[in-house]
């Protein structure tokens, strides 16, 4: 793909073309999903967090009241053009260490009149499997045979906003853009955009998150194997342990 994708129209057009190609390709492949060990039992989850409180899933809205949510998979406003979370949640969750780190990032940004907007955080494993049924390409969706950081509750998709009006800082592309313009290493962008991406990355990395090089919005905690893949519903997680 040409690295000189500077016009939003071109980016959107190419992303749409790529998506259609992937879907068509995916529909010709075997749809069998090899399911890895996944925790989907509420009582089992309660037993795990009783032994290790660091594995508890934390409600981000309760933890960080000032944080803003734009949960894209709760509506059709996403690259799949369909609601993937049913019923649609109004908040999301992360494991306790990730939620603590995110709260620190929000506090630091708030000192400058900025804050965080969450596009996605915890994602049940079954939703990742639904993604894979539609788009069998690991450049764009996680292979459910291995699961993802979202399924483990240690990955978050987000951007920076201005607290006074909730507007997003320019980042060069929107969320879930599949062109190389979304890569951290893409330098042919306005200085303001590069500085905004640098601010997001430096703030998140300061508190222990790692960046995914191909998606400026995606951050995760290392040592993912410590945390089980989960397929608990948002409704279950809203219960008090």
Protein backbone atom coordinates (compact mmCIF):
# COMPACT_ATOMS: atom_id res chain seq x y z
CA UNK A 1 0.00 0.00 0.00
CA UNK A 2 1.24 3.46 -0.86
CA UNK A 3 2.68 5.16 2.21
CA UNK A 4 1.47 8.56 1.06
CA UNK A 5 -2.12 8.17 2.25
CA UNK A 6 -2.68 11.71 3.41
CA UNK A 7 -6.29 12.35 2.46
CA UNK A 8 -9.01 10.96 4.75
CA UNK A 9 -11.08 9.99 1.72
CA UNK A 10 -8.28 7.84 0.35
CA UNK A 11 -7.71 6.19 3.72
CA UNK A 12 -11.39 5.39 4.12
CA UNK A 13 -11.67 4.09 0.56
CA UNK A 14 -8.67 1.80 0.88
CA UNK A 15 -9.84 0.53 4.27
CA UNK A 16 -13.24 -0.34 2.75
CA UNK A 17 -11.60 -2.16 -0.17
CA UNK A 18 -9.34 -4.12 2.16
CA UNK A 19 -12.27 -5.07 4.36
CA UNK A 20 -14.32 -6.35 1.40
CA UNK A 21 -11.39 -8.41 0.12
CA UNK A 22 -10.81 -9.92 3.55
CA UNK A 23 -14.46 -10.80 4.02
CA UNK A 24 -14.67 -12.45 0.62
CA UNK A 25 -11.45 -14.37 1.30
CA UNK A 26 -12.59 -15.34 4.76
CA UNK A 27 -15.89 -16.73 3.54
CA UNK A 28 -14.03 -19.30 1.43
CA UNK A 29 -12.03 -20.67 4.37
CA UNK A 30 -12.82 -23.25 7.02
CA UNK A 31 -14.92 -21.56 9.69
CA UNK A 32 -13.91 -24.04 12.44
CA UNK A 33 -12.53 -22.27 15.50
CA UNK A 34 -10.12 -24.18 17.70
CA UNK A 35 -11.21 -23.08 21.17
CA UNK A 36 -8.38 -22.63 23.67
CA UNK A 37 -8.90 -22.90 27.45
CA UNK A 38 -11.39 -20.12 28.21
CA UNK A 39 -12.91 -19.19 31.58
CA UNK A 40 -16.65 -18.74 31.15
CA UNK A 41 -17.89 -19.89 34.55
CA UNK A 42 -18.72 -17.14 37.06
CA UNK A 43 -18.04 -19.29 40.14
CA UNK A 44 -14.68 -20.34 38.72
CA UNK A 45 -13.81 -16.68 38.15
CA UNK A 46 -14.76 -15.83 41.75
CA UNK A 47 -12.49 -18.60 42.97
CA UNK A 48 -9.59 -17.28 40.91
CA UNK A 49 -9.88 -13.68 42.13
CA UNK A 50 -10.24 -14.87 45.73
CA UNK A 51 -6.78 -16.39 45.40
CA UNK A 52 -5.33 -13.55 43.30
CA UNK A 53 -7.12 -10.17 43.66
CA UNK A 54 -4.89 -8.79 40.88
CA UNK A 55 -6.98 -10.79 38.43
CA UNK A 56 -10.22 -9.04 39.35
CA UNK A 57 -12.04 -7.30 36.50
CA UNK A 58 -12.66 -3.65 37.39
CA UNK A 59 -15.49 -1.47 36.11
CA UNK A 60 -13.69 1.46 34.46
CA UNK A 61 -16.60 3.86 34.82
CA UNK A 62 -16.67 3.25 38.58
CA UNK A 63 -12.88 3.35 38.84
CA UNK A 64 -12.37 6.47 36.71
CA UNK A 65 -15.63 8.49 36.71
CA UNK A 66 -14.24 11.21 34.42
CA UNK A 67 -13.26 8.81 31.66
CA UNK A 68 -15.30 8.98 28.44
CA UNK A 69 -16.63 5.95 26.59
CA UNK A 70 -17.28 5.51 22.88
CA UNK A 71 -17.58 1.73 22.82
CA UNK A 72 -17.60 1.16 19.09
CA UNK A 73 -18.62 -2.51 19.16
CA UNK A 74 -21.72 -1.59 21.17
CA UNK A 75 -23.11 -0.02 18.00
CA UNK A 76 -22.73 -0.38 14.24
CA UNK A 77 -20.17 2.45 14.18
CA UNK A 78 -17.20 0.16 13.55
CA UNK A 79 -15.38 -1.53 10.69
CA UNK A 80 -17.72 -4.53 10.91
CA UNK A 81 -20.73 -2.23 10.40
CA UNK A 82 -22.68 -4.21 12.99
CA UNK A 83 -23.22 -4.28 16.74
CA UNK A 84 -20.89 -6.92 18.17
CA UNK A 85 -21.79 -6.59 21.85
CA UNK A 86 -25.30 -7.74 22.65
CA UNK A 87 -26.62 -6.35 24.88
CA UNK A 88 -24.62 -3.20 24.39
CA UNK A 89 -22.62 -2.23 27.52
CA UNK A 90 -22.24 1.36 28.68
CA UNK A 91 -18.94 0.72 30.46
CA UNK A 92 -16.07 -1.68 30.10
CA UNK A 93 -13.61 -3.56 32.27
CA UNK A 94 -9.92 -4.25 32.76
CA UNK A 95 -7.96 -6.39 35.19
CA UNK A 96 -7.06 -4.55 38.37
CA UNK A 97 -3.41 -3.74 37.42
CA UNK A 98 -4.47 -2.38 34.02
CA UNK A 99 -7.32 -0.35 35.54
CA UNK A 100 -4.94 1.11 38.16
CA UNK A 101 -2.43 2.07 35.47
CA UNK A 102 -5.14 3.62 33.31
CA UNK A 103 -6.36 5.70 36.25
CA UNK A 104 -2.84 7.09 36.72
CA UNK A 105 -2.63 7.99 33.02
CA UNK A 106 -5.99 9.78 33.23
CA UNK A 107 -4.88 11.72 36.32
CA UNK A 108 -1.67 12.88 34.65
CA UNK A 109 -3.46 14.04 31.50
CA UNK A 110 -6.16 15.80 33.52
CA UNK A 111 -3.53 18.13 34.97
CA UNK A 112 -3.20 19.53 31.43
CA UNK A 113 -6.94 19.67 30.73
CA UNK A 114 -6.87 16.39 28.83
CA UNK A 115 -8.37 12.95 29.38
CA UNK A 116 -8.94 9.54 27.84
CA UNK A 117 -11.72 8.20 25.63
CA UNK A 118 -12.15 4.42 25.53
CA UNK A 119 -13.10 2.71 22.27
CA UNK A 120 -12.78 -0.82 23.64
CA UNK A 121 -11.25 -2.66 26.59
CA UNK A 122 -12.37 -6.11 27.77
CA UNK A 123 -13.82 -8.20 24.95
CA UNK A 124 -15.43 -11.59 25.63
CA UNK A 125 -13.70 -14.44 23.79
CA UNK A 126 -16.90 -15.38 21.96
CA UNK A 127 -16.93 -11.92 20.34
CA UNK A 128 -13.39 -12.46 19.09
CA UNK A 129 -14.60 -15.76 17.62
CA UNK A 130 -17.42 -13.86 15.85
CA UNK A 131 -14.87 -11.41 14.44
CA UNK A 132 -12.87 -14.35 13.11
CA UNK A 133 -15.90 -15.91 11.44
CA UNK A 134 -16.27 -12.72 9.40
CA UNK A 135 -12.64 -11.63 8.92
CA UNK A 136 -10.05 -14.40 8.97
CA UNK A 137 -6.97 -12.21 8.78
CA UNK A 138 -4.65 -11.76 11.75
CA UNK A 139 -3.55 -8.34 10.49
CA UNK A 140 -6.95 -7.03 11.53
CA UNK A 141 -8.49 -9.37 14.10
CA UNK A 142 -7.06 -11.72 16.71
CA UNK A 143 -7.08 -15.45 16.03
CA UNK A 144 -9.44 -16.91 18.64
CA UNK A 145 -7.31 -20.04 18.81
CA UNK A 146 -4.87 -17.92 20.79
CA UNK A 147 -7.21 -15.23 22.04
CA UNK A 148 -6.17 -11.63 22.60
CA UNK A 149 -5.15 -9.16 25.25
CA UNK A 150 -8.70 -7.82 25.11
CA UNK A 151 -10.01 -11.29 26.08
CA UNK A 152 -7.58 -11.34 29.01
CA UNK A 153 -8.64 -7.90 30.20
CA UNK A 154 -5.23 -6.30 29.81
CA UNK A 155 -5.63 -4.40 26.50
CA UNK A 156 -7.38 -1.12 25.78
CA UNK A 157 -8.14 0.93 22.65
CA UNK A 158 -8.26 4.65 23.37
CA UNK A 159 -7.41 8.20 22.44
CA UNK A 160 -6.92 11.59 24.11
CA UNK A 161 -9.65 14.21 24.42
CA UNK A 162 -9.93 17.78 25.69
CA UNK A 163 -11.85 17.74 28.95
CA UNK A 164 -13.59 21.07 28.34
CA UNK A 165 -15.49 19.86 25.28
CA UNK A 166 -14.70 16.11 24.90
CA UNK A 167 -13.21 16.63 21.42
CA UNK A 168 -10.54 14.17 20.32
CA UNK A 169 -7.01 15.34 19.64
CA UNK A 170 -6.10 14.78 15.97
CA UNK A 171 -4.37 11.43 15.56
CA UNK A 172 -4.15 11.22 11.78
CA UNK A 173 -6.69 8.41 11.38
CA UNK A 174 -9.77 7.20 13.11
CA UNK A 175 -10.05 4.09 15.27
CA UNK A 176 -9.67 0.74 13.46
CA UNK A 177 -7.99 2.23 10.41
CA UNK A 178 -6.23 -0.52 8.44
CA UNK A 179 -3.74 1.58 6.48
CA UNK A 180 -0.09 2.04 7.40
CA UNK A 181 -0.99 5.62 8.28
CA UNK A 182 -2.17 4.20 11.63
CA UNK A 183 1.28 2.75 12.40
CA UNK A 184 3.43 4.41 15.04
CA UNK A 185 6.30 4.46 12.58
CA UNK A 186 4.42 6.39 9.90
CA UNK A 187 6.04 9.82 9.84
CA UNK A 188 4.32 11.59 6.94
CA UNK A 189 1.81 13.34 9.17
CA UNK A 190 1.41 16.89 10.51
CA UNK A 191 3.63 17.68 13.47
CA UNK A 192 0.57 18.17 15.68
CA UNK A 193 -0.58 14.62 14.97
CA UNK A 194 2.86 13.17 15.62
CA UNK A 195 3.06 15.05 18.92
CA UNK A 196 -0.39 13.85 19.95
CA UNK A 197 0.51 10.24 19.25
CA UNK A 198 3.76 10.72 21.14
CA UNK A 199 1.88 12.13 24.12
CA UNK A 200 -0.51 9.18 24.22
CA UNK A 201 2.31 6.67 23.90
CA UNK A 202 4.61 8.27 26.44
CA UNK A 203 1.80 8.60 28.97
CA UNK A 204 0.62 5.02 28.58
CA UNK A 205 4.14 3.59 28.61
CA UNK A 206 5.00 5.60 31.72
CA UNK A 207 2.44 3.52 33.60
CA UNK A 208 3.44 0.14 32.22
CA UNK A 209 1.47 -0.27 29.01
CA UNK A 210 3.07 -1.36 25.74
CA UNK A 211 2.12 -0.02 22.31
CA UNK A 212 1.02 -2.12 19.36
CA UNK A 213 3.15 -0.73 16.53
CA UNK A 214 0.47 -1.06 13.84
CA UNK A 215 -2.34 0.64 15.80
CA UNK A 216 -1.76 3.99 17.49
CA UNK A 217 -4.83 3.45 19.74
CA UNK A 218 -3.98 -0.04 21.11
CA UNK A 219 -2.10 -0.54 24.39
CA UNK A 220 -1.62 -3.61 26.57
CA UNK A 221 0.13 -4.81 29.69
CA UNK A 222 3.00 -7.28 29.24
CA UNK A 223 3.01 -10.78 30.76
CA UNK A 224 -0.35 -11.54 29.18
CA UNK A 225 -0.03 -15.26 29.95
CA UNK A 226 -0.58 -14.53 33.63
CA UNK A 227 -4.23 -13.77 32.89
CA UNK A 228 -6.80 -16.27 31.69
CA UNK A 229 -8.82 -15.82 28.52
CA UNK A 230 -12.33 -14.86 29.59
CA UNK A 231 -15.75 -15.31 28.06
CA UNK A 232 -17.74 -13.71 30.85
CA UNK A 233 -20.54 -11.36 29.81
CA UNK A 234 -20.61 -7.68 30.70
CA UNK A 235 -23.74 -8.40 32.73
CA UNK A 236 -21.89 -10.98 34.80
CA UNK A 237 -18.99 -8.62 35.42
CA UNK A 238 -21.36 -5.95 36.68
CA UNK A 239 -22.31 -8.23 39.56
CA UNK A 240 -20.56 -7.69 42.87
CA UNK A 241 -18.23 -10.63 43.70
